[in-house]
Each structure stands twice: as structure tokens, then as C-alpha cells.
N, C-alpha and C. Protein backbone atom coordinates (compact mmCIF):
# COMPACT_ATOMS: atom_id res chain seq x y z
N UNK A 1 7.51 16.46 14.34
CA UNK A 1 5.98 16.31 14.31
C UNK A 1 5.68 16.10 12.97
N UNK A 2 4.47 15.53 12.75
CA UNK A 2 3.74 15.21 11.57
C UNK A 2 2.36 15.51 11.63
N UNK A 3 1.79 15.74 10.48
CA UNK A 3 0.37 16.11 10.36
C UNK A 3 -0.22 15.54 9.04
N UNK A 4 -1.61 15.27 8.84
CA UNK A 4 -2.05 14.65 7.71
C UNK A 4 -2.17 16.00 6.63
N UNK A 5 -1.52 15.78 5.62
CA UNK A 5 -1.43 16.91 4.58
C UNK A 5 -2.44 16.62 3.27
N UNK A 6 -2.81 15.26 3.18
CA UNK A 6 -3.68 14.92 2.06
C UNK A 6 -4.32 13.55 2.36
N UNK A 7 -5.51 13.48 1.92
CA UNK A 7 -6.20 12.26 1.98
C UNK A 7 -6.94 11.87 0.66
N UNK A 8 -7.08 10.53 0.43
CA UNK A 8 -7.58 10.15 -0.91
C UNK A 8 -8.27 8.84 -0.71
N UNK A 9 -9.37 8.66 -1.37
CA UNK A 9 -10.18 7.44 -1.39
C UNK A 9 -9.53 6.34 -2.29
N UNK A 10 -8.45 6.56 -2.98
CA UNK A 10 -7.83 5.68 -3.85
C UNK A 10 -6.47 5.55 -3.70
N UNK A 11 -5.78 4.39 -3.92
CA UNK A 11 -4.39 4.27 -3.81
C UNK A 11 -3.57 5.07 -4.86
N UNK A 12 -4.27 5.26 -6.09
CA UNK A 12 -3.67 5.95 -7.18
C UNK A 12 -3.44 7.53 -6.70
N UNK A 13 -4.49 7.99 -6.00
CA UNK A 13 -4.51 9.34 -5.51
C UNK A 13 -3.40 9.56 -4.43
N UNK A 14 -3.25 8.61 -3.44
CA UNK A 14 -2.07 8.65 -2.52
C UNK A 14 -0.85 8.59 -3.20
N UNK A 15 -0.69 7.55 -4.10
CA UNK A 15 0.64 7.37 -4.75
C UNK A 15 0.85 8.70 -5.60
N UNK A 16 -0.02 9.43 -6.19
CA UNK A 16 0.23 10.62 -6.92
C UNK A 16 0.66 11.72 -6.12
N UNK A 17 -0.01 11.81 -4.86
CA UNK A 17 0.41 12.88 -3.85
C UNK A 17 1.85 12.65 -3.33
N UNK A 18 2.29 11.51 -3.04
CA UNK A 18 3.59 11.07 -2.55
C UNK A 18 4.56 11.29 -3.66
N UNK A 19 4.21 10.90 -4.86
CA UNK A 19 5.18 11.24 -5.98
C UNK A 19 5.33 12.72 -6.30
N UNK A 20 4.39 13.60 -5.98
CA UNK A 20 4.46 14.84 -6.20
C UNK A 20 5.12 15.64 -4.97
N UNK A 21 5.48 14.87 -4.03
CA UNK A 21 6.28 15.38 -2.86
C UNK A 21 5.40 16.17 -1.94
N UNK A 22 4.09 15.77 -1.87
CA UNK A 22 3.23 16.32 -0.89
C UNK A 22 3.33 15.71 0.60
N UNK A 23 3.98 14.49 0.57
CA UNK A 23 4.07 13.84 1.66
C UNK A 23 4.44 12.39 1.45
N UNK A 24 4.10 11.55 2.50
CA UNK A 24 4.50 10.27 2.40
C UNK A 24 3.26 9.38 2.30
N UNK A 25 3.42 8.08 1.93
CA UNK A 25 2.28 7.20 1.75
C UNK A 25 2.67 5.90 2.28
N UNK A 26 1.91 5.21 3.02
CA UNK A 26 2.16 3.88 3.55
C UNK A 26 2.09 2.84 2.22
N UNK A 27 3.03 1.91 2.22
CA UNK A 27 2.96 0.92 1.05
C UNK A 27 3.74 -0.13 1.61
N UNK A 28 3.40 -1.34 0.98
CA UNK A 28 4.24 -2.63 1.32
C UNK A 28 5.55 -2.41 0.57
N UNK A 29 6.67 -2.84 1.15
CA UNK A 29 7.99 -2.82 0.53
C UNK A 29 7.96 -3.64 -0.70
N UNK A 30 7.14 -4.77 -0.71
CA UNK A 30 7.07 -5.53 -1.91
C UNK A 30 6.40 -4.93 -3.14
N UNK A 31 5.49 -4.06 -2.76
CA UNK A 31 4.69 -3.37 -3.72
C UNK A 31 5.00 -1.85 -3.90
N UNK A 32 6.16 -1.46 -3.53
CA UNK A 32 6.68 -0.04 -3.71
C UNK A 32 6.59 0.18 -5.08
N UNK A 33 5.80 1.34 -5.61
CA UNK A 33 5.93 1.61 -7.04
C UNK A 33 7.08 2.42 -7.36
N UNK A 34 7.36 2.51 -8.65
CA UNK A 34 8.58 3.29 -9.16
C UNK A 34 8.32 4.78 -8.77
N UNK A 35 9.41 5.41 -8.26
CA UNK A 35 9.37 6.83 -7.95
C UNK A 35 9.14 7.06 -6.53
N UNK A 36 8.86 6.03 -5.86
CA UNK A 36 8.81 6.20 -4.38
C UNK A 36 9.86 5.34 -3.63
N UNK A 37 10.37 5.90 -2.53
CA UNK A 37 11.51 5.22 -1.70
C UNK A 37 11.08 4.91 -0.42
N UNK A 38 11.44 3.90 0.28
CA UNK A 38 11.30 3.63 1.73
C UNK A 38 11.87 4.70 2.55
N UNK A 39 11.06 5.11 3.60
CA UNK A 39 11.72 5.99 4.68
C UNK A 39 12.46 5.32 5.79
N UNK A 40 13.53 5.83 6.19
CA UNK A 40 14.32 5.01 7.40
C UNK A 40 13.53 5.20 8.58
N UNK A 41 13.81 4.32 9.51
CA UNK A 41 13.01 4.47 10.84
C UNK A 41 13.57 5.72 11.61
N UNK A 42 14.64 6.31 11.25
CA UNK A 42 15.05 7.65 11.94
C UNK A 42 13.99 8.67 11.59
N UNK A 43 13.14 8.54 10.63
CA UNK A 43 12.16 9.65 10.49
C UNK A 43 11.09 9.76 11.67
N UNK A 44 11.11 8.76 12.50
CA UNK A 44 10.03 8.69 13.69
C UNK A 44 8.63 8.86 13.16
N UNK A 45 8.17 8.23 12.18
CA UNK A 45 6.67 8.19 12.00
C UNK A 45 5.96 7.30 12.89
N UNK A 46 4.79 7.58 13.10
CA UNK A 46 4.04 6.52 13.97
C UNK A 46 3.72 5.22 13.37
N UNK A 47 3.67 4.21 14.17
CA UNK A 47 3.55 2.93 13.61
C UNK A 47 2.20 2.76 12.77
N UNK A 48 2.17 1.94 11.83
CA UNK A 48 0.80 1.77 11.04
C UNK A 48 0.12 0.63 11.72
N UNK A 49 -1.15 0.70 11.62
CA UNK A 49 -2.01 -0.34 12.00
C UNK A 49 -1.88 -1.45 10.98
N UNK A 50 -2.77 -2.48 11.27
CA UNK A 50 -2.97 -3.64 10.30
C UNK A 50 -4.04 -3.46 9.47
N UNK A 51 -3.98 -3.96 8.16
CA UNK A 51 -5.19 -4.07 7.36
C UNK A 51 -5.51 -5.42 7.08
N UNK A 52 -6.73 -5.60 6.40
CA UNK A 52 -7.14 -6.82 6.05
C UNK A 52 -7.53 -6.73 4.75
N UNK A 53 -7.35 -7.91 3.81
CA UNK A 53 -7.84 -7.96 2.41
C UNK A 53 -8.95 -9.05 2.53
N UNK A 54 -10.17 -8.61 1.88
CA UNK A 54 -11.25 -9.62 1.68
C UNK A 54 -11.53 -9.81 0.33
N UNK A 55 -11.60 -11.10 -0.18
CA UNK A 55 -12.04 -11.41 -1.28
C UNK A 55 -13.49 -11.89 -1.45
N UNK A 56 -14.29 -11.13 -2.09
CA UNK A 56 -15.76 -11.44 -2.21
C UNK A 56 -16.22 -11.60 -3.52
N UNK A 57 -17.11 -12.52 -3.81
CA UNK A 57 -17.65 -12.72 -5.11
C UNK A 57 -17.42 -14.07 -5.68
N UNK A 58 -18.52 -14.68 -6.22
CA UNK A 58 -18.49 -16.02 -6.95
C UNK A 58 -17.98 -15.83 -8.31
N UNK A 59 -17.69 -17.03 -8.99
CA UNK A 59 -17.38 -17.11 -10.32
C UNK A 59 -16.01 -16.91 -10.66
N UNK A 60 -15.76 -16.82 -12.03
CA UNK A 60 -14.38 -16.63 -12.41
C UNK A 60 -13.85 -15.27 -12.08
N UNK A 61 -12.57 -15.20 -11.86
CA UNK A 61 -11.90 -13.85 -11.52
C UNK A 61 -11.17 -13.30 -12.68
N UNK A 62 -10.97 -12.16 -12.94
CA UNK A 62 -10.18 -11.54 -13.94
C UNK A 62 -8.73 -11.93 -13.68
N UNK A 63 -7.95 -12.18 -14.55
CA UNK A 63 -6.56 -12.86 -14.41
C UNK A 63 -5.70 -11.91 -13.50
N UNK A 64 -5.87 -10.57 -13.49
CA UNK A 64 -5.05 -9.67 -12.74
C UNK A 64 -5.50 -9.84 -11.33
N UNK A 65 -6.89 -9.94 -11.03
CA UNK A 65 -7.31 -10.09 -9.63
C UNK A 65 -6.78 -11.53 -9.14
N UNK A 66 -6.89 -12.47 -10.08
CA UNK A 66 -6.47 -13.75 -9.50
C UNK A 66 -4.92 -13.70 -9.23
N UNK A 67 -4.16 -13.00 -9.84
CA UNK A 67 -2.72 -12.82 -9.55
C UNK A 67 -2.51 -12.15 -8.29
N UNK A 68 -3.25 -11.14 -8.04
CA UNK A 68 -3.07 -10.29 -6.70
C UNK A 68 -3.39 -11.24 -5.67
N UNK A 69 -4.57 -11.96 -5.76
CA UNK A 69 -4.90 -12.82 -4.62
C UNK A 69 -3.88 -13.78 -4.40
N UNK A 70 -3.30 -14.40 -5.46
CA UNK A 70 -2.18 -15.43 -5.30
C UNK A 70 -0.96 -14.80 -4.59
N UNK A 71 -0.71 -13.63 -4.91
CA UNK A 71 0.49 -12.82 -4.33
C UNK A 71 0.21 -12.66 -2.95
N UNK A 72 -1.06 -12.27 -2.50
CA UNK A 72 -1.21 -12.03 -1.03
C UNK A 72 -1.18 -13.31 -0.38
N UNK A 73 -1.85 -14.32 -0.88
CA UNK A 73 -1.84 -15.66 -0.21
C UNK A 73 -0.59 -16.30 -0.05
N UNK A 74 0.28 -16.16 -1.11
CA UNK A 74 1.71 -16.88 -1.16
C UNK A 74 2.71 -16.02 -0.26
N UNK A 75 2.36 -14.84 0.31
CA UNK A 75 3.30 -14.09 0.96
C UNK A 75 3.42 -14.48 2.43
N UNK A 76 2.73 -15.44 2.93
CA UNK A 76 2.83 -15.90 4.16
C UNK A 76 1.83 -15.06 5.08
N UNK A 77 2.48 -14.59 6.14
CA UNK A 77 1.65 -13.98 7.18
C UNK A 77 1.35 -12.35 6.62
N UNK A 78 1.98 -11.94 5.71
CA UNK A 78 1.79 -10.51 5.40
C UNK A 78 2.70 -9.99 4.46
N UNK A 79 2.57 -8.84 4.04
CA UNK A 79 3.48 -7.98 3.18
C UNK A 79 4.09 -7.11 3.93
N UNK A 80 5.59 -7.22 3.91
CA UNK A 80 6.26 -6.19 4.78
C UNK A 80 6.32 -5.04 4.06
């Protein structure tokens, strides 16, 4: 059985909770941060839903934002 042990409005909050051992956090395998490991299917966690990324705003983008957008677009159908 599983239960929600922690919620956060930010990715860094979820990452910190998972790194502290408070639970697990969903992440793309391609973007898995240091200190977190993928869980095997044998853990029987519920399937994750889909997410969408939306890019909004005119004008030039910060180079980091542009790199993230390029990574998302070049990954094909999604990030595993």
C-alpha cells in the first residue's frame, strides 16, 4: 500500500523530500537528479498520468529556458 506523505508546489521541494528519504518522487529517467535512483516495477506503484509543457511569452528567452525547450522538443514523443 502507498499513501501521500508529502506535497510541494515546487520541483525542488519534491526533490529535497525524496533525497531526505521521506518518499518517492516522479521524475523523467533522462532528468533524474543526483542522489535519486529509479524504482523497479516490482514496487507496484500506481501508473503516473500524463503532463504537458506549455511555453508562453514573446521575445528572447533566457539561454537556460531555450536549452530546456530544445531538450523537450528534441526528445520525440516524450521523456521516459
